[in-house]
Amino acid sequence: MKIDLKSIPAYIKKLAKAIKPHMIFVFIVSVISIYGLLVFQINRLSSIEPSDEKINEELNTIKRPKIDQETISKIEQLEDQSVGVQSLFKAARDNPFQDN
């Protein structure tokens, strides 16, 4: 069968007439196929685990905060001074559903 450029529009019209009664079925199958493909791609992309190299690379870029000893001692001193707050937290830990 030789395809001529002039016969393509006539062939498309003939094909459209043949498909027209089944257009709803073709549309539904197309939508379901696209939906299935999307679900498959989302599932595939969500289950990809990063490689050890990527994990190590990201861990190396994280800057960990450093707290000097003076700040630590100041925080501990403030904790020791707040007796009222400590007793409030202690009571809340013992019975969190008690109304005050």
PDB file of N, CA and C in Angstrom:
ATOM      1  N   MET A   1       0.837  -1.174   0.000  1.00  0.00           N
ATOM      2  CA  MET A   1       0.000   0.000   0.000  1.00  0.00           C
ATOM      3  C   MET A   1       0.884   1.240   0.000  1.00  0.00           C
ATOM      4  N   LYS A   2       0.703   2.048  -0.976  1.00  0.00           N
ATOM      5  CA  LYS A   2       1.472   3.275  -1.105  1.00  0.00           C
ATOM      6  C   LYS A   2       0.670   4.424  -0.496  1.00  0.00           C
ATOM      7  N   ILE A   3       1.334   5.197   0.381  1.00  0.00           N
ATOM      8  CA  ILE A   3       0.666   6.312   1.049  1.00  0.00           C
ATOM      9  C   ILE A   3       1.001   7.593   0.302  1.00  0.00           C
ATOM     10  N   ASP A   4      -0.052   8.266  -0.102  1.00  0.00           N
ATOM     11  CA  ASP A   4       0.099   9.537  -0.801  1.00  0.00           C
ATOM     12  C   ASP A   4      -0.352  10.649   0.142  1.00  0.00           C
ATOM     13  N   LEU A   5       0.312  11.790   0.090  1.00  0.00           N
ATOM     14  CA  LEU A   5      -0.034  12.896   0.975  1.00  0.00           C
ATOM     15  C   LEU A   5      -1.457  13.397   0.737  1.00  0.00           C
ATOM     16  N   LYS A   6      -1.947  13.279  -0.480  1.00  0.00           N
ATOM     17  CA  LYS A   6      -3.295  13.749  -0.786  1.00  0.00           C
ATOM     18  C   LYS A   6      -4.358  12.810  -0.230  1.00  0.00           C
ATOM     19  N   SER A   7      -3.991  11.563  -0.011  1.00  0.00           N
ATOM     20  CA  SER A   7      -4.983  10.602   0.479  1.00  0.00           C
ATOM     21  C   SER A   7      -5.063  10.558   2.010  1.00  0.00           C
ATOM     22  N   ILE A   8      -4.172  11.240   2.699  1.00  0.00           N
ATOM     23  CA  ILE A   8      -4.166  11.218   4.169  1.00  0.00           C
ATOM     24  C   ILE A   8      -5.440  11.837   4.755  1.00  0.00           C
ATOM     25  N   PRO A   9      -5.903  13.010   4.306  1.00  0.00           N
ATOM     26  CA  PRO A   9      -7.151  13.550   4.880  1.00  0.00           C
ATOM     27  C   PRO A   9      -8.355  12.621   4.675  1.00  0.00           C
ATOM     28  N   ALA A  10      -8.434  11.996   3.536  1.00  0.00           N
ATOM     29  CA  ALA A  10      -9.544  11.072   3.289  1.00  0.00           C
ATOM     30  C   ALA A  10      -9.436   9.858   4.209  1.00  0.00           C
ATOM     31  N   TYR A  11      -8.232   9.392   4.431  1.00  0.00           N
ATOM     32  CA  TYR A  11      -8.022   8.246   5.324  1.00  0.00           C
ATOM     33  C   TYR A  11      -8.393   8.612   6.765  1.00  0.00           C
ATOM     34  N   ILE A  12      -8.041   9.830   7.192  1.00  0.00           N
ATOM     35  CA  ILE A  12      -8.371  10.277   8.548  1.00  0.00           C
ATOM     36  C   ILE A  12      -9.882  10.390   8.711  1.00  0.00           C
ATOM     37  N   LYS A  13     -10.589  10.910   7.697  1.00  0.00           N
ATOM     38  CA  LYS A  13     -12.051  11.001   7.768  1.00  0.00           C
ATOM     39  C   LYS A  13     -12.678   9.617   7.857  1.00  0.00           C
ATOM     40  N   LYS A  14     -12.156   8.680   7.087  1.00  0.00           N
ATOM     41  CA  LYS A  14     -12.669   7.310   7.112  1.00  0.00           C
ATOM     42  C   LYS A  14     -12.430   6.674   8.488  1.00  0.00           C
ATOM     43  N   LEU A  15     -11.258   6.907   9.044  1.00  0.00           N
ATOM     44  CA  LEU A  15     -10.921   6.378  10.368  1.00  0.00           C
ATOM     45  C   LEU A  15     -11.795   7.021  11.449  1.00  0.00           C
ATOM     46  N   ALA A  16     -12.051   8.323  11.339  1.00  0.00           N
ATOM     47  CA  ALA A  16     -12.895   9.019  12.312  1.00  0.00           C
ATOM     48  C   ALA A  16     -14.319   8.478  12.278  1.00  0.00           C
ATOM     49  N   LYS A  17     -14.847   8.184  11.099  1.00  0.00           N
ATOM     50  CA  LYS A  17     -16.195   7.617  10.990  1.00  0.00           C
ATOM     51  C   LYS A  17     -16.257   6.235  11.620  1.00  0.00           C
ATOM     52  N   ALA A  18     -15.182   5.468  11.498  1.00  0.00           N
ATOM     53  CA  ALA A  18     -15.162   4.117  12.065  1.00  0.00           C
ATOM     54  C   ALA A  18     -15.044   4.163  13.592  1.00  0.00           C
ATOM     55  N   ILE A  19     -14.344   5.145  14.128  1.00  0.00           N
ATOM     56  CA  ILE A  19     -14.110   5.231  15.573  1.00  0.00           C
ATOM     57  C   ILE A  19     -15.242   5.967  16.295  1.00  0.00           C
ATOM     58  N   LYS A  20     -15.983   6.820  15.600  1.00  0.00           N
ATOM     59  CA  LYS A  20     -16.994   7.663  16.231  1.00  0.00           C
ATOM     60  C   LYS A  20     -17.981   6.901  17.119  1.00  0.00           C
ATOM     61  N   PRO A  21     -18.511   5.755  16.739  1.00  0.00           N
ATOM     62  CA  PRO A  21     -19.436   5.048  17.645  1.00  0.00           C
ATOM     63  C   PRO A  21     -18.756   4.539  18.926  1.00  0.00           C
ATOM     64  N   HIS A  22     -17.466   4.365  18.891  1.00  0.00           N
ATOM     65  CA  HIS A  22     -16.721   3.823  20.034  1.00  0.00           C
ATOM     66  C   HIS A  22     -15.933   4.902  20.777  1.00  0.00           C
ATOM     67  N   MET A  23     -16.265   6.161  20.533  1.00  0.00           N
ATOM     68  CA  MET A  23     -15.487   7.260  21.088  1.00  0.00           C
ATOM     69  C   MET A  23     -15.519   7.282  22.621  1.00  0.00           C
ATOM     70  N   ILE A  24     -16.652   7.001  23.232  1.00  0.00           N
ATOM     71  CA  ILE A  24     -16.742   7.001  24.696  1.00  0.00           C
ATOM     72  C   ILE A  24     -15.847   5.912  25.274  1.00  0.00           C
ATOM     73  N   PHE A  25     -15.889   4.735  24.679  1.00  0.00           N
ATOM     74  CA  PHE A  25     -15.048   3.632  25.139  1.00  0.00           C
ATOM     75  C   PHE A  25     -13.567   3.989  25.003  1.00  0.00           C
ATOM     76  N   VAL A  26     -13.188   4.563  23.870  1.00  0.00           N
ATOM     77  CA  VAL A  26     -11.789   4.950  23.642  1.00  0.00           C
ATOM     78  C   VAL A  26     -11.372   6.013  24.663  1.00  0.00           C
ATOM     79  N   PHE A  27     -12.252   6.964  24.950  1.00  0.00           N
ATOM     80  CA  PHE A  27     -11.943   8.010  25.923  1.00  0.00           C
ATOM     81  C   PHE A  27     -11.752   7.418  27.315  1.00  0.00           C
ATOM     82  N   ILE A  28     -12.662   6.531  27.733  1.00  0.00           N
ATOM     83  CA  ILE A  28     -12.567   5.927  29.065  1.00  0.00           C
ATOM     84  C   ILE A  28     -11.302   5.088  29.191  1.00  0.00           C
ATOM     85  N   VAL A  29     -10.990   4.307  28.176  1.00  0.00           N
ATOM     86  CA  VAL A  29      -9.770   3.489  28.205  1.00  0.00           C
ATOM     87  C   VAL A  29      -8.532   4.392  28.255  1.00  0.00           C
ATOM     88  N   SER A  30      -8.568   5.498  27.526  1.00  0.00           N
ATOM     89  CA  SER A  30      -7.427   6.425  27.539  1.00  0.00           C
ATOM     90  C   SER A  30      -7.238   7.051  28.919  1.00  0.00           C
ATOM     91  N   VAL A  31      -8.327   7.490  29.543  1.00  0.00           N
ATOM     92  CA  VAL A  31      -8.234   8.112  30.867  1.00  0.00           C
ATOM     93  C   VAL A  31      -7.743   7.103  31.897  1.00  0.00           C
ATOM     94  N   ILE A  32      -8.268   5.883  31.854  1.00  0.00           N
ATOM     95  CA  ILE A  32      -7.833   4.849  32.801  1.00  0.00           C
ATOM     96  C   ILE A  32      -6.361   4.510  32.587  1.00  0.00           C
ATOM     97  N   SER A  33      -5.932   4.463  31.332  1.00  0.00           N
ATOM     98  CA  SER A  33      -4.524   4.169  31.042  1.00  0.00           C
ATOM     99  C   SER A  33      -3.609   5.271  31.576  1.00  0.00           C
ATOM    100  N   ILE A  34      -3.991   6.516  31.361  1.00  0.00           N
ATOM    101  CA  ILE A  34      -3.179   7.635  31.853  1.00  0.00           C
ATOM    102  C   ILE A  34      -3.142   7.628  33.378  1.00  0.00           C
ATOM    103  N   TYR A  35      -4.298   7.375  34.009  1.00  0.00           N
ATOM    104  CA  TYR A  35      -4.362   7.319  35.469  1.00  0.00           C
ATOM    105  C   TYR A  35      -3.479   6.186  36.001  1.00  0.00           C
ATOM    106  N   GLY A  36      -3.541   5.023  35.373  1.00  0.00           N
ATOM    107  CA  GLY A  36      -2.704   3.895  35.790  1.00  0.00           C
ATOM    108  C   GLY A  36      -1.226   4.204  35.646  1.00  0.00           C
ATOM    109  N   LEU A  37      -0.867   4.860  34.555  1.00  0.00           N
ATOM    110  CA  LEU A  37       0.530   5.242  34.342  1.00  0.00           C
ATOM    111  C   LEU A  37       0.994   6.222  35.420  1.00  0.00           C
ATOM    112  N   LEU A  38       0.146   7.185  35.764  1.00  0.00           N
ATOM    113  CA  LEU A  38       0.511   8.142  36.811  1.00  0.00           C
ATOM    114  C   LEU A  38       0.689   7.458  38.162  1.00  0.00           C
ATOM    115  N   VAL A  39      -0.212   6.553  38.502  1.00  0.00           N
ATOM    116  CA  VAL A  39      -0.099   5.833  39.774  1.00  0.00           C
ATOM    117  C   VAL A  39       1.182   5.004  39.793  1.00  0.00           C
ATOM    118  N   PHE A  40       1.483   4.349  38.691  1.00  0.00           N
ATOM    119  CA  PHE A  40       2.704   3.546  38.602  1.00  0.00           C
ATOM    120  C   PHE A  40       3.946   4.421  38.770  1.00  0.00           C
ATOM    121  N   GLN A  41       3.979   5.576  38.098  1.00  0.00           N
ATOM    122  CA  GLN A  41       5.139   6.470  38.187  1.00  0.00           C
ATOM    123  C   GLN A  41       5.293   7.035  39.602  1.00  0.00           C
ATOM    124  N   ILE A  42       4.183   7.422  40.222  1.00  0.00           N
ATOM    125  CA  ILE A  42       4.252   7.949  41.586  1.00  0.00           C
ATOM    126  C   ILE A  42       4.765   6.879  42.536  1.00  0.00           C
ATOM    127  N   ASN A  43       4.279   5.662  42.380  1.00  0.00           N
ATOM    128  CA  ASN A  43       4.731   4.558  43.230  1.00  0.00           C
ATOM    129  C   ASN A  43       6.222   4.296  43.030  1.00  0.00           C
ATOM    130  N   ARG A  44       6.658   4.305  41.793  1.00  0.00           N
ATOM    131  CA  ARG A  44       8.066   4.053  41.493  1.00  0.00           C
ATOM    132  C   ARG A  44       8.948   5.163  42.061  1.00  0.00           C
ATOM    133  N   LEU A  45       8.532   6.413  41.897  1.00  0.00           N
ATOM    134  CA  LEU A  45       9.353   7.530  42.369  1.00  0.00           C
ATOM    135  C   LEU A  45       9.349   7.660  43.886  1.00  0.00           C
ATOM    136  N   SER A  46       8.266   7.261  44.531  1.00  0.00           N
ATOM    137  CA  SER A  46       8.215   7.391  45.988  1.00  0.00           C
ATOM    138  C   SER A  46       8.976   6.284  46.699  1.00  0.00           C
ATOM    139  N   SER A  47       9.293   5.218  46.009  1.00  0.00           N
ATOM    140  CA  SER A  47       9.992   4.112  46.661  1.00  0.00           C
ATOM    141  C   SER A  47      11.498   4.125  46.401  1.00  0.00           C
ATOM    142  N   ILE A  48      11.995   5.146  45.737  1.00  0.00           N
ATOM    143  CA  ILE A  48      13.434   5.238  45.469  1.00  0.00           C
ATOM    144  C   ILE A  48      14.154   5.664  46.747  1.00  0.00           C
ATOM    145  N   GLU A  49      15.150   4.906  47.141  1.00  0.00           N
ATOM    146  CA  GLU A  49      15.960   5.216  48.322  1.00  0.00           C
ATOM    147  C   GLU A  49      17.231   5.940  47.874  1.00  0.00           C
ATOM    148  N   PRO A  50      17.683   6.928  48.634  1.00  0.00           N
ATOM    149  CA  PRO A  50      18.923   7.604  48.263  1.00  0.00           C
ATOM    150  C   PRO A  50      20.127   6.685  48.481  1.00  0.00           C
ATOM    151  N   SER A  51      21.144   6.899  47.672  1.00  0.00           N
ATOM    152  CA  SER A  51      22.349   6.082  47.807  1.00  0.00           C
ATOM    153  C   SER A  51      23.142   6.534  49.035  1.00  0.00           C
ATOM    154  N   ASP A  52      24.062   5.676  49.463  1.00  0.00           N
ATOM    155  CA  ASP A  52      24.908   6.015  50.616  1.00  0.00           C
ATOM    156  C   ASP A  52      25.765   7.244  50.333  1.00  0.00           C
ATOM    157  N   GLU A  53      26.186   7.398  49.076  1.00  0.00           N
ATOM    158  CA  GLU A  53      26.986   8.566  48.712  1.00  0.00           C
ATOM    159  C   GLU A  53      26.184   9.854  48.910  1.00  0.00           C
ATOM    160  N   LYS A  54      24.917   9.844  48.486  1.00  0.00           N
ATOM    161  CA  LYS A  54      24.071  11.030  48.641  1.00  0.00           C
ATOM    162  C   LYS A  54      23.834  11.339  50.117  1.00  0.00           C
ATOM    163  N   ILE A  55      23.607  10.300  50.908  1.00  0.00           N
ATOM    164  CA  ILE A  55      23.376  10.497  52.343  1.00  0.00           C
ATOM    165  C   ILE A  55      24.614  11.104  52.991  1.00  0.00           C
ATOM    166  N   ASN A  56      25.783  10.552  52.694  1.00  0.00           N
ATOM    167  CA  ASN A  56      27.029  11.080  53.266  1.00  0.00           C
ATOM    168  C   ASN A  56      27.297  12.506  52.800  1.00  0.00           C
ATOM    169  N   GLU A  57      26.988  12.784  51.541  1.00  0.00           N
ATOM    170  CA  GLU A  57      27.190  14.128  51.003  1.00  0.00           C
ATOM    171  C   GLU A  57      26.305  15.141  51.733  1.00  0.00           C
ATOM    172  N   GLU A  58      25.051  14.781  51.977  1.00  0.00           N
ATOM    173  CA  GLU A  58      24.146  15.678  52.696  1.00  0.00           C
ATOM    174  C   GLU A  58      24.557  15.830  54.160  1.00  0.00           C
ATOM    175  N   LEU A  59      25.026  14.744  54.766  1.00  0.00           N
ATOM    176  CA  LEU A  59      25.464  14.825  56.161  1.00  0.00           C
ATOM    177  C   LEU A  59      26.686  15.723  56.310  1.00  0.00           C
ATOM    178  N   ASN A  60      27.540  15.736  55.302  1.00  0.00           N
ATOM    179  CA  ASN A  60      28.735  16.580  55.363  1.00  0.00           C
ATOM    180  C   ASN A  60      28.395  18.062  55.225  1.00  0.00           C
ATOM    181  N   THR A  61      27.278  18.379  54.582  1.00  0.00           N
ATOM    182  CA  THR A  61      26.919  19.784  54.398  1.00  0.00           C
ATOM    183  C   THR A  61      26.194  20.363  55.607  1.00  0.00           C
ATOM    184  N   ILE A  62      25.751  19.514  56.533  1.00  0.00           N
ATOM    185  CA  ILE A  62      25.033  19.991  57.713  1.00  0.00           C
ATOM    186  C   ILE A  62      26.027  20.583  58.705  1.00  0.00           C
ATOM    187  N   LYS A  63      25.742  21.790  59.153  1.00  0.00           N
ATOM    188  CA  LYS A  63      26.595  22.423  60.161  1.00  0.00           C
ATOM    189  C   LYS A  63      25.935  22.222  61.512  1.00  0.00           C
ATOM    190  N   ARG A  64      26.612  21.512  62.365  1.00  0.00           N
ATOM    191  CA  ARG A  64      26.071  21.229  63.693  1.00  0.00           C
ATOM    192  C   ARG A  64      26.343  22.411  64.623  1.00  0.00           C
ATOM    193  N   PRO A  65      25.341  22.790  65.410  1.00  0.00           N
ATOM    194  CA  PRO A  65      25.563  23.918  66.328  1.00  0.00           C
ATOM    195  C   PRO A  65      26.501  23.515  67.460  1.00  0.00           C
ATOM    196  N   LYS A  66      27.340  24.451  67.832  1.00  0.00           N
ATOM    197  CA  LYS A  66      28.279  24.201  68.924  1.00  0.00           C
ATOM    198  C   LYS A  66      27.941  25.164  70.054  1.00  0.00           C
ATOM    199  N   ILE A  67      27.754  24.595  71.235  1.00  0.00           N
ATOM    200  CA  ILE A  67      27.427  25.394  72.415  1.00  0.00           C
ATOM    201  C   ILE A  67      28.637  25.367  73.336  1.00  0.00           C
ATOM    202  N   ASP A  68      29.104  26.554  73.680  1.00  0.00           N
ATOM    203  CA  ASP A  68      30.280  26.605  74.552  1.00  0.00           C
ATOM    204  C   ASP A  68      29.890  26.295  75.999  1.00  0.00           C
ATOM    205  N   GLN A  69      30.888  26.003  76.798  1.00  0.00           N
ATOM    206  CA  GLN A  69      30.670  25.563  78.183  1.00  0.00           C
ATOM    207  C   GLN A  69      30.015  26.660  79.018  1.00  0.00           C
ATOM    208  N   GLU A  70      30.321  27.901  78.740  1.00  0.00           N
ATOM    209  CA  GLU A  70      29.733  29.011  79.496  1.00  0.00           C
ATOM    210  C   GLU A  70      28.214  29.057  79.297  1.00  0.00           C
ATOM    211  N   THR A  71      27.764  28.844  78.091  1.00  0.00           N
ATOM    212  CA  THR A  71      26.325  28.840  77.808  1.00  0.00           C
ATOM    213  C   THR A  71      25.643  27.663  78.482  1.00  0.00           C
ATOM    214  N   ILE A  72      26.292  26.510  78.468  1.00  0.00           N
ATOM    215  CA  ILE A  72      25.729  25.321  79.121  1.00  0.00           C
ATOM    216  C   ILE A  72      25.574  25.555  80.612  1.00  0.00           C
ATOM    217  N   SER A  73      26.594  26.130  81.228  1.00  0.00           N
ATOM    218  CA  SER A  73      26.512  26.380  82.673  1.00  0.00           C
ATOM    219  C   SER A  73      25.442  27.426  82.981  1.00  0.00           C
ATOM    220  N   LYS A  74      25.265  28.418  82.125  1.00  0.00           N
ATOM    221  CA  LYS A  74      24.230  29.428  82.323  1.00  0.00           C
ATOM    222  C   LYS A  74      22.838  28.794  82.231  1.00  0.00           C
ATOM    223  N   ILE A  75      22.620  27.909  81.277  1.00  0.00           N
ATOM    224  CA  ILE A  75      21.335  27.214  81.135  1.00  0.00           C
ATOM    225  C   ILE A  75      21.060  26.354  82.357  1.00  0.00           C
ATOM    226  N   GLU A  76      22.068  25.634  82.819  1.00  0.00           N
ATOM    227  CA  GLU A  76      21.889  24.799  84.015  1.00  0.00           C
ATOM    228  C   GLU A  76      21.587  25.655  85.243  1.00  0.00           C
ATOM    229  N   GLN A  77      22.229  26.806  85.352  1.00  0.00           N
ATOM    230  CA  GLN A  77      21.977  27.708  86.475  1.00  0.00           C
ATOM    231  C   GLN A  77      20.539  28.225  86.427  1.00  0.00           C
ATOM    232  N   LEU A  78      20.061  28.581  85.249  1.00  0.00           N
ATOM    233  CA  LEU A  78      18.681  29.059  85.115  1.00  0.00           C
ATOM    234  C   LEU A  78      17.675  27.949  85.413  1.00  0.00           C
ATOM    235  N   GLU A  79      18.005  26.712  85.045  1.00  0.00           N
ATOM    236  CA  GLU A  79      17.134  25.575  85.359  1.00  0.00           C
ATOM    237  C   GLU A  79      17.012  25.389  86.862  1.00  0.00           C
ATOM    238  N   ASP A  80      18.133  25.517  87.557  1.00  0.00           N
ATOM    239  CA  ASP A  80      18.128  25.335  89.012  1.00  0.00           C
ATOM    240  C   ASP A  80      17.341  26.439  89.718  1.00  0.00           C
ATOM    241  N   GLN A  81      17.317  27.635  89.155  1.00  0.00           N
ATOM    242  CA  GLN A  81      16.641  28.764  89.786  1.00  0.00           C
ATOM    243  C   GLN A  81      15.125  28.721  89.616  1.00  0.00           C
ATOM    244  N   SER A  82      14.628  28.042  88.616  1.00  0.00           N
ATOM    245  CA  SER A  82      13.187  28.059  88.326  1.00  0.00           C
ATOM    246  C   SER A  82      12.493  26.883  88.997  1.00  0.00           C
ATOM    247  N   VAL A  83      12.427  26.906  90.323  1.00  0.00           N
ATOM    248  CA  VAL A  83      11.830  25.824  91.111  1.00  0.00           C
ATOM    249  C   VAL A  83      10.330  25.760  90.878  1.00  0.00           C
ATOM    250  N   GLY A  84       9.656  26.913  90.797  1.00  0.00           N
ATOM    251  CA  GLY A  84       8.210  26.942  90.586  1.00  0.00           C
ATOM    252  C   GLY A  84       7.817  26.302  89.267  1.00  0.00           C
ATOM    253  N   VAL A  85       8.551  26.580  88.251  1.00  0.00           N
ATOM    254  CA  VAL A  85       8.264  26.002  86.941  1.00  0.00           C
ATOM    255  C   VAL A  85       8.527  24.506  86.961  1.00  0.00           C
ATOM    256  N   GLN A  86       9.598  24.098  87.644  1.00  0.00           N
ATOM    257  CA  GLN A  86       9.901  22.667  87.727  1.00  0.00           C
ATOM    258  C   GLN A  86       8.789  21.919  88.430  1.00  0.00           C
ATOM    259  N   SER A  87       8.246  22.478  89.512  1.00  0.00           N
ATOM    260  CA  SER A  87       7.169  21.786  90.224  1.00  0.00           C
ATOM    261  C   SER A  87       5.907  21.748  89.378  1.00  0.00           C
ATOM    262  N   LEU A  88       5.664  22.782  88.582  1.00  0.00           N
ATOM    263  CA  LEU A  88       4.508  22.795  87.690  1.00  0.00           C
ATOM    264  C   LEU A  88       4.638  21.696  86.643  1.00  0.00           C
ATOM    265  N   PHE A  89       5.819  21.565  86.060  1.00  0.00           N
ATOM    266  CA  PHE A  89       6.037  20.511  85.076  1.00  0.00           C
ATOM    267  C   PHE A  89       5.950  19.132  85.714  1.00  0.00           C
ATOM    268  N   LYS A  90       6.460  18.998  86.933  1.00  0.00           N
ATOM    269  CA  LYS A  90       6.407  17.708  87.625  1.00  0.00           C
ATOM    270  C   LYS A  90       4.961  17.299  87.845  1.00  0.00           C
ATOM    271  N   ALA A  91       4.119  18.239  88.295  1.00  0.00           N
ATOM    272  CA  ALA A  91       2.704  17.934  88.526  1.00  0.00           C
ATOM    273  C   ALA A  91       2.010  17.580  87.212  1.00  0.00           C
ATOM    274  N   ALA A  92       2.350  18.261  86.152  1.00  0.00           N
ATOM    275  CA  ALA A  92       1.732  17.976  84.857  1.00  0.00           C
ATOM    276  C   ALA A  92       2.170  16.620  84.330  1.00  0.00           C
ATOM    277  N   ARG A  93       3.379  16.218  84.635  1.00  0.00           N
ATOM    278  CA  ARG A  93       3.848  14.901  84.197  1.00  0.00           C
ATOM    279  C   ARG A  93       3.177  13.788  84.986  1.00  0.00           C
ATOM    280  N   ASP A  94       2.922  14.038  86.265  1.00  0.00           N
ATOM    281  CA  ASP A  94       2.285  13.009  87.092  1.00  0.00           C
ATOM    282  C   ASP A  94       0.847  12.767  86.652  1.00  0.00           C
ATOM    283  N   ASN A  95       0.077  13.825  86.430  1.00  0.00           N
ATOM    284  CA  ASN A  95      -1.319  13.685  86.026  1.00  0.00           C
ATOM    285  C   ASN A  95      -1.636  14.778  84.999  1.00  0.00           C
ATOM    286  N   PRO A  96      -1.482  14.492  83.718  1.00  0.00           N
ATOM    287  CA  PRO A  96      -1.673  15.534  82.706  1.00  0.00           C
ATOM    288  C   PRO A  96      -3.131  15.941  82.518  1.00  0.00           C
ATOM    289  N   PHE A  97      -4.093  15.157  83.045  1.00  0.00           N
ATOM    290  CA  PHE A  97      -5.507  15.451  82.840  1.00  0.00           C
ATOM    291  C   PHE A  97      -6.137  16.191  84.016  1.00  0.00           C
ATOM    292  N   GLN A  98      -5.349  16.558  85.001  1.00  0.00           N
ATOM    293  CA  GLN A  98      -5.848  17.258  86.178  1.00  0.00           C
ATOM    294  C   GLN A  98      -6.045  18.731  85.840  1.00  0.00           C
ATOM    295  N   ASP A  99      -7.204  19.285  86.228  1.00  0.00           N
ATOM    296  CA  ASP A  99      -7.463  20.705  86.012  1.00  0.00           C
ATOM    297  C   ASP A  99      -6.875  21.513  87.152  1.00  0.00           C
ATOM    298  N   ASN A 100      -6.281  22.640  86.811  1.00  0.00           N
ATOM    299  CA  ASN A 100      -5.705  23.519  87.833  1.00  0.00           C
ATOM    300  C   ASN A 100      -6.620  24.687  88.076  1.00  0.00           C
TER     301      ASN A 100
END
